Structures are given as structure tokens and as C-alpha cells.
Protein backbone atom coordinates (compact mmCIF):
# COMPACT_ATOMS: atom_id res chain seq x y z
CA UNK A 1 145.37 90.69 124.82
CA UNK A 2 148.02 91.47 122.24
CA UNK A 3 147.42 88.10 120.43
CA UNK A 4 143.48 88.96 120.43
CA UNK A 5 144.28 92.23 118.82
CA UNK A 6 146.47 90.81 116.18
CA UNK A 7 143.64 88.17 115.40
CA UNK A 8 140.88 90.95 115.42
CA UNK A 9 143.03 93.01 113.06
CA UNK A 10 143.60 90.23 110.57
CA UNK A 11 139.71 89.35 110.59
CA UNK A 12 138.91 92.88 109.89
CA UNK A 13 141.39 93.10 106.86
CA UNK A 14 139.95 89.82 105.66
CA UNK A 15 136.59 91.14 106.16
CA UNK A 16 137.27 94.41 104.21
CA UNK A 17 138.90 92.61 101.40
CA UNK A 18 136.54 89.86 100.70
CA UNK A 19 132.46 89.04 99.92
CA UNK A 20 132.23 88.22 103.70
CA UNK A 21 130.82 91.44 104.43
CA UNK A 22 127.94 90.99 102.08
CA UNK A 23 127.59 87.41 103.33
CA UNK A 24 126.87 88.74 106.88
CA UNK A 25 124.90 91.51 105.79
CA UNK A 26 122.69 88.74 104.17
CA UNK A 27 122.56 86.86 107.42
CA UNK A 28 121.64 89.83 109.59
CA UNK A 29 118.94 90.40 106.88
CA UNK A 30 117.70 87.12 107.20
CA UNK A 31 117.36 86.65 111.06
CA UNK A 32 116.36 90.36 111.44
CA UNK A 33 113.63 90.66 108.93
CA UNK A 34 111.95 87.33 109.61
CA UNK A 35 112.08 88.16 113.42
CA UNK A 36 110.53 91.54 113.12
CA UNK A 37 107.93 90.50 110.29
CA UNK A 38 106.74 87.56 112.67
CA UNK A 39 106.56 89.57 115.71
CA UNK A 40 104.60 92.42 114.05
CA UNK A 41 102.03 89.82 112.69
CA UNK A 42 101.80 87.66 115.93
CA UNK A 43 101.63 90.37 118.37
CA UNK A 44 98.41 91.68 116.87
CA UNK A 45 97.08 88.12 116.77
CA UNK A 46 98.22 87.56 120.33
CA UNK A 47 96.15 90.51 121.45
CA UNK A 48 93.00 89.05 119.94
CA UNK A 49 93.60 85.58 121.26
CA UNK A 50 93.97 87.18 125.01
CA UNK A 51 90.48 88.90 124.62
CA UNK A 52 91.64 92.53 123.88
CA UNK A 53 88.94 95.04 122.57
CA UNK A 54 89.07 96.77 119.44
CA UNK A 55 89.92 100.17 121.64
CA UNK A 56 92.92 98.27 123.19
CA UNK A 57 94.17 96.74 119.97
CA UNK A 58 94.14 100.03 118.45
CA UNK A 59 96.01 101.35 121.16
CA UNK A 60 98.38 98.52 120.74
CA UNK A 61 99.00 98.74 117.25
CA UNK A 62 98.99 102.85 117.16
CA UNK A 63 101.70 102.96 120.18
CA UNK A 64 103.81 100.30 118.53
CA UNK A 65 103.63 102.37 115.15
CA UNK A 66 104.31 105.56 116.87
CA UNK A 67 107.23 104.45 118.98
CA UNK A 68 108.84 102.31 116.27
CA UNK A 69 108.81 105.19 113.71
CA UNK A 70 108.91 108.57 115.91
CA UNK A 71 112.28 107.77 117.61
CA UNK A 72 113.98 106.40 114.43
CA UNK A 73 114.92 110.22 113.61
CA UNK A 74 116.95 110.31 116.67
CA UNK A 75 118.48 107.02 116.44
CA UNK A 76 119.09 107.25 112.96
CA UNK A 77 121.10 110.31 113.54
CA UNK A 78 123.13 108.77 116.39
CA UNK A 79 123.95 105.95 113.95
CA UNK A 80 125.24 108.73 111.34
CA UNK A 81 127.50 109.80 114.22
CA UNK A 82 128.91 106.63 115.99
CA UNK A 83 128.24 103.96 113.28
CA UNK A 84 125.79 101.25 112.28
CA UNK A 85 126.99 98.16 114.02
CA UNK A 86 126.46 99.29 117.85
CA UNK A 87 122.78 100.49 116.90
CA UNK A 88 122.03 96.98 115.42
CA UNK A 89 123.37 95.14 118.29
CA UNK A 90 121.36 97.17 121.01
CA UNK A 91 118.22 97.20 118.84
CA UNK A 92 118.16 93.60 118.11
CA UNK A 93 119.03 92.71 121.75
CA UNK A 94 116.22 94.78 123.15
CA UNK A 95 113.63 93.66 120.76
CA UNK A 96 114.49 90.10 121.56
CA UNK A 97 114.59 90.15 125.35
CA UNK A 98 111.42 92.23 125.57
CA UNK A 99 109.40 89.77 123.18
CA UNK A 100 110.65 86.63 125.16
CA UNK A 101 108.39 87.96 128.12
CA UNK A 102 105.22 88.41 125.94
CA UNK A 103 103.85 84.96 126.67
CA UNK A 104 103.76 85.93 130.29
CA UNK A 105 100.96 88.28 129.66
CA UNK A 106 97.26 87.63 129.78
CA UNK A 107 95.82 91.26 130.03
CA UNK A 108 95.36 93.62 127.16
CA UNK A 109 96.75 96.72 128.93
CA UNK A 110 99.67 94.92 130.14
CA UNK A 111 100.37 93.88 126.66
CA UNK A 112 100.12 97.36 125.59
CA UNK A 113 103.15 98.28 127.90
CA UNK A 114 105.24 95.57 126.64
CA UNK A 115 104.61 96.45 122.94
CA UNK A 116 105.69 100.18 123.70
CA UNK A 117 109.11 98.45 125.10
CA UNK A 118 109.42 96.23 122.31
CA UNK A 119 108.91 98.85 119.96
CA UNK A 120 112.04 100.77 121.07
CA UNK A 121 114.32 98.05 119.91
CA UNK A 122 112.96 98.40 116.43
CA UNK A 123 113.28 102.13 116.50
CA UNK A 124 117.05 101.63 117.36
CA UNK A 125 118.04 99.08 114.58
CA UNK A 126 115.87 99.95 111.65
CA UNK A 127 117.38 103.39 110.69
CA UNK A 128 120.87 102.01 110.87
CA UNK A 129 120.14 98.82 109.09
CA UNK A 130 118.73 101.08 106.09
CA UNK A 131 121.58 103.62 106.27
CA UNK A 132 124.07 100.59 106.07
CA UNK A 133 122.46 99.79 102.52
CA UNK A 134 123.26 103.41 101.77
CA UNK A 135 126.83 103.09 102.86
CA UNK A 136 127.40 100.06 100.79
CA UNK A 137 125.82 101.40 97.47
CA UNK A 138 125.63 104.60 95.06
CA UNK A 139 122.63 105.51 93.14
CA UNK A 140 123.48 103.38 90.05
CA UNK A 141 123.46 100.12 91.93
CA UNK A 142 121.17 100.70 95.08
CA UNK A 143 117.98 99.30 93.76
CA UNK A 144 119.83 96.11 92.88
CA UNK A 145 121.26 95.48 96.36
CA UNK A 146 118.08 96.47 98.18
CA UNK A 147 116.17 93.86 95.92
CA UNK A 148 118.59 91.19 96.88
CA UNK A 149 118.40 92.05 100.44
CA UNK A 150 114.42 92.13 100.34
CA UNK A 151 114.63 88.66 98.46
CA UNK A 152 117.08 87.15 101.18
CA UNK A 153 114.68 88.49 103.73
CA UNK A 154 111.51 87.23 102.16
CA UNK A 155 113.25 83.82 101.85
CA UNK A 156 114.23 83.58 105.53
CA UNK A 157 110.82 84.80 106.53
CA UNK A 158 109.10 82.02 104.52
CA UNK A 159 111.34 79.40 106.23
CA UNK A 160 110.87 80.97 109.66
CA UNK A 161 107.13 80.99 109.12
CA UNK A 162 107.05 77.45 108.29
CA UNK A 163 109.25 76.55 111.09
CA UNK A 164 107.54 78.54 113.80
CA UNK A 165 104.19 77.32 112.52
CA UNK A 166 105.12 73.79 112.92
CA UNK A 167 106.72 74.36 116.37
CA UNK A 168 103.77 76.25 117.45
CA UNK A 169 101.30 73.60 116.67
CA UNK A 170 102.84 71.32 119.18
CA UNK A 171 100.83 73.62 121.88
CA UNK A 172 97.86 72.13 123.16
CA UNK A 173 95.76 75.45 123.49
CA UNK A 174 95.54 78.45 120.99
CA UNK A 175 97.29 80.49 123.75
CA UNK A 176 100.24 77.95 124.06
CA UNK A 177 100.50 77.91 120.43
CA UNK A 178 101.03 81.81 119.83
CA UNK A 179 103.13 81.84 123.10
CA UNK A 180 105.63 79.21 121.37
CA UNK A 181 105.82 81.42 118.28
CA UNK A 182 106.47 84.57 119.98
CA UNK A 183 109.42 82.68 121.91
CA UNK A 184 110.90 81.26 118.71
CA UNK A 185 110.62 84.76 117.31
CA UNK A 186 112.64 86.12 120.06
CA UNK A 187 115.48 83.83 119.50
CA UNK A 188 115.64 84.82 116.13
CA UNK A 189 116.44 88.47 117.23
CA UNK A 190 119.05 87.04 119.62
CA UNK A 191 120.60 85.16 116.49
CA UNK A 192 120.71 88.57 114.82
CA UNK A 193 122.69 90.04 117.42
CA UNK A 194 125.25 87.21 117.21
CA UNK A 195 125.65 87.67 113.62
CA UNK A 196 125.95 91.36 113.98
CA UNK A 197 128.92 90.96 116.06
CA UNK A 198 131.01 90.16 112.96
CA UNK A 199 130.31 93.13 110.93
CA UNK A 200 132.13 96.47 110.59
CA UNK A 201 130.97 99.85 109.68
CA UNK A 202 131.93 100.85 106.05
CA UNK A 203 134.58 103.73 105.77
CA UNK A 204 132.12 106.53 105.08
CA UNK A 205 132.12 110.19 106.14
CA UNK A 206 130.41 110.50 109.58
CA UNK A 207 128.12 113.17 110.75
CA UNK A 208 129.98 115.59 112.88
CA UNK A 209 127.07 117.76 114.28
CA UNK A 210 126.25 116.66 117.72
CA UNK A 211 122.44 117.57 117.84
CA UNK A 212 120.34 114.23 117.84
CA UNK A 213 117.39 115.74 116.04
CA UNK A 214 116.98 117.66 112.87
CA UNK A 215 113.91 118.57 110.60
CA UNK A 216 116.44 120.09 108.07
CA UNK A 217 115.73 117.13 105.35
CA UNK A 218 112.11 118.32 105.32
CA UNK A 219 112.78 121.95 105.17
CA UNK A 220 115.61 121.86 102.34
CA UNK A 221 114.74 118.91 100.17
CA UNK A 222 111.32 119.64 98.14
CA UNK A 223 111.38 116.22 96.67
CA UNK A 224 111.89 114.49 100.00
CA UNK A 225 109.14 116.40 101.63
CA UNK A 226 106.45 115.81 98.77
CA UNK A 227 107.31 112.02 99.11
CA UNK A 228 106.99 112.14 103.07
CA UNK A 229 103.63 114.11 102.55
CA UNK A 230 102.22 111.57 100.15
CA UNK A 231 103.38 108.46 101.96
CA UNK A 232 102.06 109.99 105.17
CA UNK A 233 98.55 109.92 103.65
CA UNK A 234 98.86 106.46 102.36
CA UNK A 235 99.87 104.86 105.48
CA UNK A 236 97.21 106.52 107.51
CA UNK A 237 94.83 104.31 105.46
CA UNK A 238 97.19 101.43 105.57
CA UNK A 239 97.34 101.72 109.31
CA UNK A 240 93.49 102.03 109.61
CA UNK A 241 93.02 98.47 108.91
CA UNK A 242 95.45 96.94 111.57
CA UNK A 243 93.19 96.85 114.46
CA UNK A 244 90.51 95.41 112.42
CA UNK A 245 92.22 92.82 110.16
CA UNK A 246 93.31 90.65 113.43
CA UNK A 247 89.78 89.86 114.06
CA UNK A 248 89.03 88.15 110.69
CA UNK A 249 92.34 86.38 110.54
CA UNK A 250 91.87 85.07 114.17
CA UNK A 251 88.37 83.90 113.30
CA UNK A 252 88.87 82.21 110.12
CA UNK A 253 92.67 80.62 110.54
CA UNK A 254 94.48 78.89 113.05
CA UNK A 255 97.74 79.81 114.47
CA UNK A 256 99.42 77.45 111.86
CA UNK A 257 97.01 78.37 109.13
CA UNK A 258 98.15 82.20 109.65
CA UNK A 259 101.81 81.13 108.98
CA UNK A 260 100.64 79.51 105.89
CA UNK A 261 98.93 82.83 105.12
CA UNK A 262 101.95 84.80 105.59
CA UNK A 263 104.11 82.37 103.94
CA UNK A 264 102.07 83.18 100.66
CA UNK A 265 102.97 86.80 101.32
CA UNK A 266 106.99 85.86 101.33
CA UNK A 267 106.74 83.45 98.40
CA UNK A 268 104.94 86.33 96.23
CA UNK A 269 107.76 88.82 97.39
CA UNK A 270 110.48 86.43 96.31
CA UNK A 271 108.84 85.60 93.20
CA UNK A 272 108.12 89.34 92.24
CA UNK A 273 111.76 90.35 92.83
CA UNK A 274 113.51 87.42 91.24
CA UNK A 275 111.37 88.36 88.12
CA UNK A 276 112.13 92.15 88.08
CA UNK A 277 115.55 91.89 89.70
CA UNK A 278 117.69 92.25 86.49
CA UNK A 279 115.99 95.44 85.61
CA UNK A 280 115.22 97.01 88.89
CA UNK A 281 118.11 99.41 88.75
CA UNK A 282 116.72 101.09 85.62
CA UNK A 283 113.19 101.30 86.64
CA UNK A 284 112.09 104.72 87.77
CA UNK A 285 111.56 105.04 91.75
CA UNK A 286 108.20 106.74 90.88
CA UNK A 287 107.05 103.49 89.11
CA UNK A 288 108.15 101.34 91.84
CA UNK A 289 106.16 103.53 94.51
CA UNK A 290 103.14 103.57 92.67
CA UNK A 291 102.75 100.17 91.63
CA UNK A 292 103.95 99.14 95.22
CA UNK A 293 100.91 100.93 96.64
CA UNK A 294 98.04 100.85 94.20
CA UNK A 295 97.24 97.19 94.72
CA UNK A 296 97.12 97.60 98.31
CA UNK A 297 93.46 98.26 98.30
CA UNK A 298 92.70 94.66 97.52
CA UNK A 299 93.82 93.55 101.16
CA UNK A 300 90.83 94.87 103.05
CA UNK A 301 88.60 94.20 100.17
CA UNK A 302 89.92 90.40 100.22
CA UNK A 303 89.05 90.25 103.92
CA UNK A 304 85.40 91.64 103.32
CA UNK A 305 85.08 88.69 100.78
CA UNK A 306 86.11 86.56 103.37
CA UNK A 307 83.50 87.66 106.17
CA UNK A 308 80.68 87.86 103.56
CA UNK A 309 81.03 84.77 101.52
CA UNK A 310 84.19 82.80 101.04
CA UNK A 311 85.19 82.02 104.89
CA UNK A 312 88.45 80.18 104.10
CA UNK A 313 92.04 80.72 105.29
CA UNK A 314 93.17 80.22 101.74
CA UNK A 315 91.15 83.07 100.50
CA UNK A 316 92.99 85.39 103.12
CA UNK A 317 96.24 83.77 101.54
CA UNK A 318 95.36 85.03 98.33
CA UNK A 319 95.18 88.79 99.64
CA UNK A 320 98.37 88.02 101.66
CA UNK A 321 100.28 87.06 98.30
CA UNK A 322 99.03 90.40 96.62
CA UNK A 323 100.42 92.32 99.44
CA UNK A 324 103.70 90.45 99.20
CA UNK A 325 103.84 91.31 95.60
CA UNK A 326 103.05 95.13 96.36
CA UNK A 327 105.28 95.34 99.35
CA UNK A 328 108.29 93.71 97.48
CA UNK A 329 108.26 96.57 95.01
CA UNK A 330 107.43 99.35 97.21
CA UNK A 331 110.45 98.57 99.70
CA UNK A 332 113.07 98.85 96.91
CA UNK A 333 111.43 102.05 95.47
CA UNK A 334 111.03 103.47 99.25
CA UNK A 335 114.44 102.74 100.64
CA UNK A 336 115.97 103.75 97.06
CA UNK A 337 114.23 107.14 97.05
CA UNK A 338 115.27 108.05 100.50
CA UNK A 339 118.77 107.17 100.15
CA UNK A 340 118.66 108.95 96.86
CA UNK A 341 117.47 112.24 98.73
CA UNK A 342 120.09 111.86 101.35
CA UNK A 343 123.34 113.58 101.60
CA UNK A 344 126.52 111.28 102.17
CA UNK A 345 126.55 111.62 106.02
CA UNK A 346 122.96 111.81 106.73
CA UNK A 347 121.58 108.74 105.43
CA UNK A 348 120.21 107.51 108.92
CA UNK A 349 118.80 111.21 109.55
CA UNK A 350 116.90 110.81 106.54
CA UNK A 351 115.65 107.46 107.07
CA UNK A 352 114.50 108.54 110.75
CA UNK A 353 112.85 111.70 109.60
CA UNK A 354 110.76 109.59 106.96
CA UNK A 355 109.70 107.21 109.58
CA UNK A 356 108.89 110.11 112.21
CA UNK A 357 106.24 111.18 109.87
CA UNK A 358 105.31 107.85 108.92
CA UNK A 359 104.80 106.86 112.70
CA UNK A 360 102.74 109.98 113.50
CA UNK A 361 100.39 109.13 110.38
CA UNK A 362 100.14 105.43 111.44
CA UNK A 363 99.51 106.22 115.09
CA UNK A 364 96.41 108.50 114.16
CA UNK A 365 95.20 106.03 111.52
CA UNK A 366 95.11 102.95 113.95
CA UNK A 367 93.83 104.79 116.70
CA UNK A 368 91.14 106.61 115.10
CA UNK A 369 89.77 103.68 113.33
CA UNK A 370 90.30 101.37 116.17
CA UNK A 371 88.07 103.71 118.36
CA UNK A 372 85.65 103.95 115.59
CA UNK A 373 85.37 100.17 115.51
CA UNK A 374 84.70 99.99 119.27
CA UNK A 375 81.63 102.15 118.78
CA UNK A 376 80.32 100.53 115.75
CA UNK A 377 80.77 97.06 117.35
CA UNK A 378 78.30 98.02 120.13
CA UNK A 379 75.73 99.96 117.59
CA UNK A 380 75.75 97.54 114.69
CA UNK A 381 77.49 94.26 115.67
CA UNK A 382 80.78 93.06 115.40
CA UNK A 383 81.01 91.62 111.84
CA UNK A 384 78.58 94.07 110.35
CA UNK A 385 80.96 97.01 111.62
CA UNK A 386 84.14 95.28 110.48
CA UNK A 387 82.51 94.76 106.85
CA UNK A 388 81.68 98.28 106.51
CA UNK A 389 85.20 99.63 107.77
CA UNK A 390 86.76 97.28 105.36
CA UNK A 391 85.07 98.71 102.68
CA UNK A 392 85.95 102.36 103.84
CA UNK A 393 89.67 101.43 104.27
CA UNK A 394 89.63 99.89 100.58
CA UNK A 395 88.32 103.02 99.07
CA UNK A 396 90.99 105.15 101.19
CA UNK A 397 93.70 103.09 100.23
CA UNK A 398 93.09 103.02 96.30
CA UNK A 399 92.66 106.96 96.40
CA UNK A 400 95.73 107.68 98.56
CA UNK A 401 97.90 105.63 96.15
CA UNK A 402 97.35 107.95 93.22
CA UNK A 403 99.49 110.55 95.03
CA UNK A 404 102.54 108.67 93.97
CA UNK A 405 101.92 109.67 90.43
CA UNK A 406 102.88 113.33 91.43
CA UNK A 407 106.38 112.24 92.80
CA UNK A 408 109.58 113.61 91.13
CA UNK A 409 112.87 112.33 90.52
CA UNK A 410 115.45 113.69 93.60
CA UNK A 411 117.88 116.17 92.68
């Protein structure tokens, strides 16, 4: 035991005085980002494949959004007290084990329960991961590190999508193809746990207050409050399309083609950030946020084009590429703005509060539009209803994005 403690102490000293900490952070980013991204995409598609109705899919997506986001305020605050490492380990492990059993499911309502369980894992690890980025940076270099983390995550996601798509194609039925993809994604979460074992929490001031929930950031920080309000409106219309998009992607693309579609998303992310990475630290957060969301209206419009005229998977891939470009810029702006607003010891708290309101907004957006879709499918027919809803979401996304022009620099 004494020898082990000496080895552990030597490793910790070496870790703290070398670039190993950043390497480990990039590995966590790679495995964790790829796993969460692929899981989110293919859970929705899996719901369509097993024959879930629009109402069921809306409950699945809205419940996922609510659970993943609403508990982040509590888990983020806990990470401010006990550290990031333990929250990352438990969150990744919880998600991986839950996802592994998804292929055993053949009923929509059972999938709903499974998604709720899976979503708790995300709620545990995500605020700790964002706060860890804040622990390792200051306001001047923060956007640069977040940009590099996003690039690493996009490269890992691209590679993983191509791998799981190829492995998934070995299945002799559509159900088996999606089942294989979900199982491989569960393995990525377990690999994230293994890598996280090698990190240490940075030596930063920890929160002493023992309350596990606080709305103080919303009350005392005007710029943060304004950002949360505008973002909640935007994500209401972002989530409105999630119960509907899966029908189009499952109809006009195979399981492997869907991996190609989202590979286009990752490639666009990588190229966008590589182009702007050298100047990302001097670009105002407001600019990143606005341009990261103003083009998101094109995604539902692109899917409407697919339904009406150009029914090919590569058309959907064009919309996915636009989404990748926009999200790359937005993620850097979003995380940087939140951490800029946060106090030294409350980075996890601010991240969690932001995601709490985001989760409520997305819950209602996906639930309301899913129920509307259920009614319209009966009265208008499936594809006519989908087309009308896609146009409404297009308009809502564009108008909502204009709100980012009113955001001011945090003090």
C-alpha cells in the first residue's frame, strides 16, 4: 500500500508539471463527445425504427432534454464542492451502462423509461466537464481552449461515426444495425471512464456552501439573466423539430447513410474552427453567439426541401454541414460567455443553472410540437403535416436568433 501511494504521488506530481493534463483532457473530450453525440442522434432514430408514434417520440425527446438539463444545476453545484473528476466518472459510467441495454427494447414506452435513466448520466458529467474547462483557463485564453476542445471532439465524433456506421452495416436488419451502433456507443462511454481515472482536479477554490441548488446567478447577474432568457426562446424552436426530424432522416437515409450525414456535421465543425481558431479569443462573445444561431433556420428548411423535391440523403447532409458550422461557433461562444459570467468558485453552478432553464425550454418545445404533430398526422396526413411544421420551425428559429444581437458583455 505504501509503494502504491508513492507511485500515485509521483504520477500526480508529473501530471501537474507536464502537458499530460491537457492530453488527458483531450482524450476525455474525444471519447465523451463522440459518445454523447452519437447516442443523442441514434436514440431518436431508434425510436422511429421500433415504430414509436410522434407523441411517444416527443415524450422521449422532451423527457431526455428535461432530465439532462434540469438536474445539471444540482450536479454542477456538487462538482463545485467535491471536484470534477468524481462527477465525470460516475456520469460516464451511468450513461454507458444504461445505453448498453437499449437494444433489448422494442416498445416506445419502455424506451422512454430507458432514456430517462440514461439522461441522468449526462446531467451528472456535463456541468463538471464545462466547469473543468473554466478551471484551466482565464477570460483571455478561454475561447481558444474551448475551440481546441471542440475541434478534438468533432474529429473524434467524425472518426467514431464512420467506424460505428461501418460496424453497424454488418447487421442483417435495420433493427440490428441500430442496435450494434448503440452498443458500440456504450463502449465509448466506458472508455471515457477509463481515461477519466487519470485526471486530477485543478487546484482552484472550491465552494464551501452546502446547499445543492441556488438561483442566485439569475438574480444577481443581469447579463447572464438576459442570455438565459434569449437562449431559452431560441432552444424552444430548436427542440420543436426534434420529434419530427427523425421521420425524415429515417425515411430518406439508411443507418450507414445517417452516419455519413452526421460525419458532414463533424467535418464542418472541424473546418470552421480551424479557420477561426487563431482569432477566436478576440472575437466578441456576442458575435459568436449570433452567427452560431442565425443559420440554424436552414436545417428544417433543408428537410422540407428533402420531403418536397430532393429526396436524397446527401441533401440532408448539406443541412447537417450547415448545422455543424453554426454549432461549432455557438459552443465556443456559449461556454465562454457562461464561464465569463461565473464567479471563481461557482463555474459548475452557473453552467447548471443555464442548462436548467434550457432543459425546461426544450422540454416544452419538443413536447408541444410532438403532440401537435400527432394531431396533424391524423387530420392532414404524415408528410403534409411534417412539411407544414418544418416551415413553422424555420420561421421561429430565424426570428429567435435575432435576440442574440441584444446581448451585452458580462461584467
